[in-house]
Amino acid sequence: MLLKVQLVIGALSVILFFLTFELIRKGRLREEYSILWLFTGIAIFLLTLWPEFFLSQFFSRVTGIFYLSAIVLVAFFFLLLIVFHFSVVISKLTSQNKEMAQRYALLELEFKELKKSTP
């Protein structure tokens, strides 16, 4: 049973890894946003290849978490990092959008005033 779970999770992590590269290649995903997705795929793949090394010795002794729970925990941690990263990016884009809208409004006002002042 554990081997089947390892194979399925390993296959999904390889698919995630290659899908990320394909989206980068097609220009649909920027490199700066893909780093955490690539690390997620690599980390989960390594956990499925050597679960006794990564999970049994570290997670089981420290937390008492079993194999499948540890993989879900690691995946959740990386997805949490991805969501946090996107929140930072969205906040930055919101600020830039607000600043651009304000600059546009000022330029439009100046243009209207300039248009009224010239005969």
C-alpha atoms as a PDB file:
ATOM      1  CA  MET A   1       0.000   0.000   0.000  1.00  0.00           C
ATOM      2  CA  LEU A   2       2.777   2.452   0.896  1.00  0.00           C
ATOM      3  CA  LEU A   3       4.556   1.791  -2.403  1.00  0.00           C
ATOM      4  CA  LYS A   4       1.411   2.667  -4.377  1.00  0.00           C
ATOM      5  CA  VAL A   5       1.033   5.909  -2.439  1.00  0.00           C
ATOM      6  CA  GLN A   6       4.698   6.732  -3.079  1.00  0.00           C
ATOM      7  CA  LEU A   7       4.315   6.092  -6.807  1.00  0.00           C
ATOM      8  CA  VAL A   8       1.200   8.237  -7.131  1.00  0.00           C
ATOM      9  CA  ILE A   9       2.659  11.123  -5.126  1.00  0.00           C
ATOM     10  CA  GLY A  10       5.974  10.853  -6.967  1.00  0.00           C
ATOM     11  CA  ALA A  11       4.210  10.915 -10.341  1.00  0.00           C
ATOM     12  CA  LEU A  12       2.171  13.953  -9.306  1.00  0.00           C
ATOM     13  CA  SER A  13       5.287  15.798  -8.185  1.00  0.00           C
ATOM     14  CA  VAL A  14       7.039  15.048 -11.498  1.00  0.00           C
ATOM     15  CA  ILE A  15       3.958  16.254 -13.382  1.00  0.00           C
ATOM     16  CA  LEU A  16       3.955  19.455 -11.286  1.00  0.00           C
ATOM     17  CA  PHE A  17       7.647  19.966 -12.021  1.00  0.00           C
ATOM     18  CA  PHE A  18       7.320  19.513 -15.791  1.00  0.00           C
ATOM     19  CA  LEU A  19       4.075  21.497 -15.958  1.00  0.00           C
ATOM     20  CA  THR A  20       5.850  24.400 -14.267  1.00  0.00           C
ATOM     21  CA  PHE A  21       8.680  24.256 -16.805  1.00  0.00           C
ATOM     22  CA  GLU A  22       6.203  24.067 -19.683  1.00  0.00           C
ATOM     23  CA  LEU A  23       4.307  27.117 -18.433  1.00  0.00           C
ATOM     24  CA  ILE A  24       7.600  29.001 -18.118  1.00  0.00           C
ATOM     25  CA  ARG A  25       8.598  27.971 -21.628  1.00  0.00           C
ATOM     26  CA  LYS A  26       5.289  29.138 -23.088  1.00  0.00           C
ATOM     27  CA  GLY A  27       5.530  32.437 -21.227  1.00  0.00           C
ATOM     28  CA  ARG A  28       2.397  31.862 -19.179  1.00  0.00           C
ATOM     29  CA  LEU A  29       4.283  31.762 -15.867  1.00  0.00           C
ATOM     30  CA  ARG A  30       7.105  34.115 -14.970  1.00  0.00           C
ATOM     31  CA  GLU A  31      10.329  32.692 -13.571  1.00  0.00           C
ATOM     32  CA  GLU A  32      10.127  34.674 -10.359  1.00  0.00           C
ATOM     33  CA  TYR A  33       6.760  33.118  -9.506  1.00  0.00           C
ATOM     34  CA  SER A  34       7.769  29.619 -10.503  1.00  0.00           C
ATOM     35  CA  ILE A  35      10.599  29.133  -8.015  1.00  0.00           C
ATOM     36  CA  LEU A  36       8.364  28.016  -5.159  1.00  0.00           C
ATOM     37  CA  TRP A  37       6.404  25.699  -7.476  1.00  0.00           C
ATOM     38  CA  LEU A  38       9.657  24.087  -8.598  1.00  0.00           C
ATOM     39  CA  PHE A  39      10.853  23.700  -5.003  1.00  0.00           C
ATOM     40  CA  THR A  40       7.510  22.166  -4.069  1.00  0.00           C
ATOM     41  CA  GLY A  41       7.803  19.586  -6.834  1.00  0.00           C
ATOM     42  CA  ILE A  42      11.406  18.771  -5.940  1.00  0.00           C
ATOM     43  CA  ALA A  43      10.741  18.512  -2.209  1.00  0.00           C
ATOM     44  CA  ILE A  44       7.762  16.208  -2.613  1.00  0.00           C
ATOM     45  CA  PHE A  45       9.638  14.086  -5.143  1.00  0.00           C
ATOM     46  CA  LEU A  46      12.594  13.697  -2.776  1.00  0.00           C
ATOM     47  CA  LEU A  47      10.239  12.757   0.039  1.00  0.00           C
ATOM     48  CA  THR A  48       8.720  10.033  -2.112  1.00  0.00           C
ATOM     49  CA  LEU A  49      12.097   8.667  -3.233  1.00  0.00           C
ATOM     50  CA  TRP A  50      13.651   8.409   0.216  1.00  0.00           C
ATOM     51  CA  PRO A  51      10.856   8.536   2.783  1.00  0.00           C
ATOM     52  CA  GLU A  52      12.848   6.623   5.366  1.00  0.00           C
ATOM     53  CA  PHE A  53      15.695   9.128   5.191  1.00  0.00           C
ATOM     54  CA  PHE A  54      13.761  12.391   5.151  1.00  0.00           C
ATOM     55  CA  LEU A  55      10.618  11.468   7.005  1.00  0.00           C
ATOM     56  CA  SER A  56      11.361   8.681   9.430  1.00  0.00           C
ATOM     57  CA  GLN A  57      14.447  10.249  10.864  1.00  0.00           C
ATOM     58  CA  PHE A  58      13.309  13.844  11.009  1.00  0.00           C
ATOM     59  CA  PHE A  59       9.532  14.148  11.149  1.00  0.00           C
ATOM     60  CA  SER A  60       8.772  10.945  12.970  1.00  0.00           C
ATOM     61  CA  ARG A  61      11.231  11.571  15.756  1.00  0.00           C
ATOM     62  CA  VAL A  62      10.500  15.257  16.154  1.00  0.00           C
ATOM     63  CA  THR A  63       6.758  15.326  15.622  1.00  0.00           C
ATOM     64  CA  GLY A  64       5.581  11.723  15.520  1.00  0.00           C
ATOM     65  CA  ILE A  65       3.916  12.302  12.138  1.00  0.00           C
ATOM     66  CA  PHE A  66       3.600   9.347   9.775  1.00  0.00           C
ATOM     67  CA  TYR A  67       4.650   9.218   6.101  1.00  0.00           C
ATOM     68  CA  LEU A  68       1.516  10.397   4.315  1.00  0.00           C
ATOM     69  CA  SER A  69       0.785  13.067   6.894  1.00  0.00           C
ATOM     70  CA  ALA A  70       4.335  14.359   6.568  1.00  0.00           C
ATOM     71  CA  ILE A  71       4.021  14.682   2.783  1.00  0.00           C
ATOM     72  CA  VAL A  72       0.750  16.551   3.184  1.00  0.00           C
ATOM     73  CA  LEU A  73       2.407  18.773   5.796  1.00  0.00           C
ATOM     74  CA  VAL A  74       5.340  19.577   3.504  1.00  0.00           C
ATOM     75  CA  ALA A  75       3.023  20.256   0.552  1.00  0.00           C
ATOM     76  CA  PHE A  76       0.867  22.488   2.749  1.00  0.00           C
ATOM     77  CA  PHE A  77       3.941  24.397   3.940  1.00  0.00           C
ATOM     78  CA  PHE A  78       5.122  25.081   0.395  1.00  0.00           C
ATOM     79  CA  LEU A  79       1.632  26.054  -0.754  1.00  0.00           C
ATOM     80  CA  LEU A  80       1.420  28.407   2.197  1.00  0.00           C
ATOM     81  CA  LEU A  81       4.695  29.999   1.072  1.00  0.00           C
ATOM     82  CA  ILE A  82       3.311  30.355  -2.448  1.00  0.00           C
ATOM     83  CA  VAL A  83       0.132  32.037  -1.203  1.00  0.00           C
ATOM     84  CA  PHE A  84       2.193  34.364   0.993  1.00  0.00           C
ATOM     85  CA  HIS A  85       4.444  35.243  -1.955  1.00  0.00           C
ATOM     86  CA  PHE A  86       1.436  35.998  -4.158  1.00  0.00           C
ATOM     87  CA  SER A  87      -0.064  38.156  -1.416  1.00  0.00           C
ATOM     88  CA  VAL A  88       3.111  40.227  -1.354  1.00  0.00           C
ATOM     89  CA  VAL A  89       3.074  40.537  -5.151  1.00  0.00           C
ATOM     90  CA  ILE A  90      -0.609  41.505  -5.228  1.00  0.00           C
ATOM     91  CA  SER A  91      -0.029  44.137  -2.544  1.00  0.00           C
ATOM     92  CA  LYS A  92       2.824  45.606  -4.548  1.00  0.00           C
ATOM     93  CA  LEU A  93       0.762  45.620  -7.752  1.00  0.00           C
ATOM     94  CA  THR A  94      -2.156  47.269  -5.949  1.00  0.00           C
ATOM     95  CA  SER A  95       0.100  50.076  -4.760  1.00  0.00           C
ATOM     96  CA  GLN A  96       1.562  50.522  -8.227  1.00  0.00           C
ATOM     97  CA  ASN A  97      -1.912  50.536  -9.775  1.00  0.00           C
ATOM     98  CA  LYS A  98      -3.115  53.194  -7.340  1.00  0.00           C
ATOM     99  CA  GLU A  99      -0.063  55.343  -8.035  1.00  0.00           C
ATOM    100  CA  MET A 100      -0.528  55.012 -11.794  1.00  0.00           C
ATOM    101  CA  ALA A 101      -4.204  55.957 -11.546  1.00  0.00           C
ATOM    102  CA  GLN A 102      -3.292  59.053  -9.551  1.00  0.00           C
ATOM    103  CA  ARG A 103      -0.610  60.039 -12.051  1.00  0.00           C
ATOM    104  CA  TYR A 104      -3.040  59.510 -14.921  1.00  0.00           C
ATOM    105  CA  ALA A 105      -5.631  61.716 -13.218  1.00  0.00           C
ATOM    106  CA  LEU A 106      -3.053  64.476 -12.716  1.00  0.00           C
ATOM    107  CA  LEU A 107      -1.901  64.240 -16.331  1.00  0.00           C
ATOM    108  CA  GLU A 108      -5.489  64.329 -17.553  1.00  0.00           C
ATOM    109  CA  LEU A 109      -6.176  67.418 -15.434  1.00  0.00           C
ATOM    110  CA  GLU A 110      -3.053  69.143 -16.757  1.00  0.00           C
ATOM    111  CA  PHE A 111      -4.024  68.243 -20.318  1.00  0.00           C
ATOM    112  CA  LYS A 112      -7.535  69.668 -19.901  1.00  0.00           C
ATOM    113  CA  GLU A 113      -6.150  72.877 -18.371  1.00  0.00           C
ATOM    114  CA  LEU A 114      -3.595  73.178 -21.165  1.00  0.00           C
ATOM    115  CA  LYS A 115      -6.289  72.569 -23.769  1.00  0.00           C
ATOM    116  CA  LYS A 116      -8.506  75.293 -22.233  1.00  0.00           C
ATOM    117  CA  SER A 117      -5.666  77.814 -22.060  1.00  0.00           C
ATOM    118  CA  THR A 118      -4.632  77.496 -25.714  1.00  0.00           C
ATOM    119  CA  PRO A 119      -6.955  79.137 -28.249  1.00  0.00           C
END
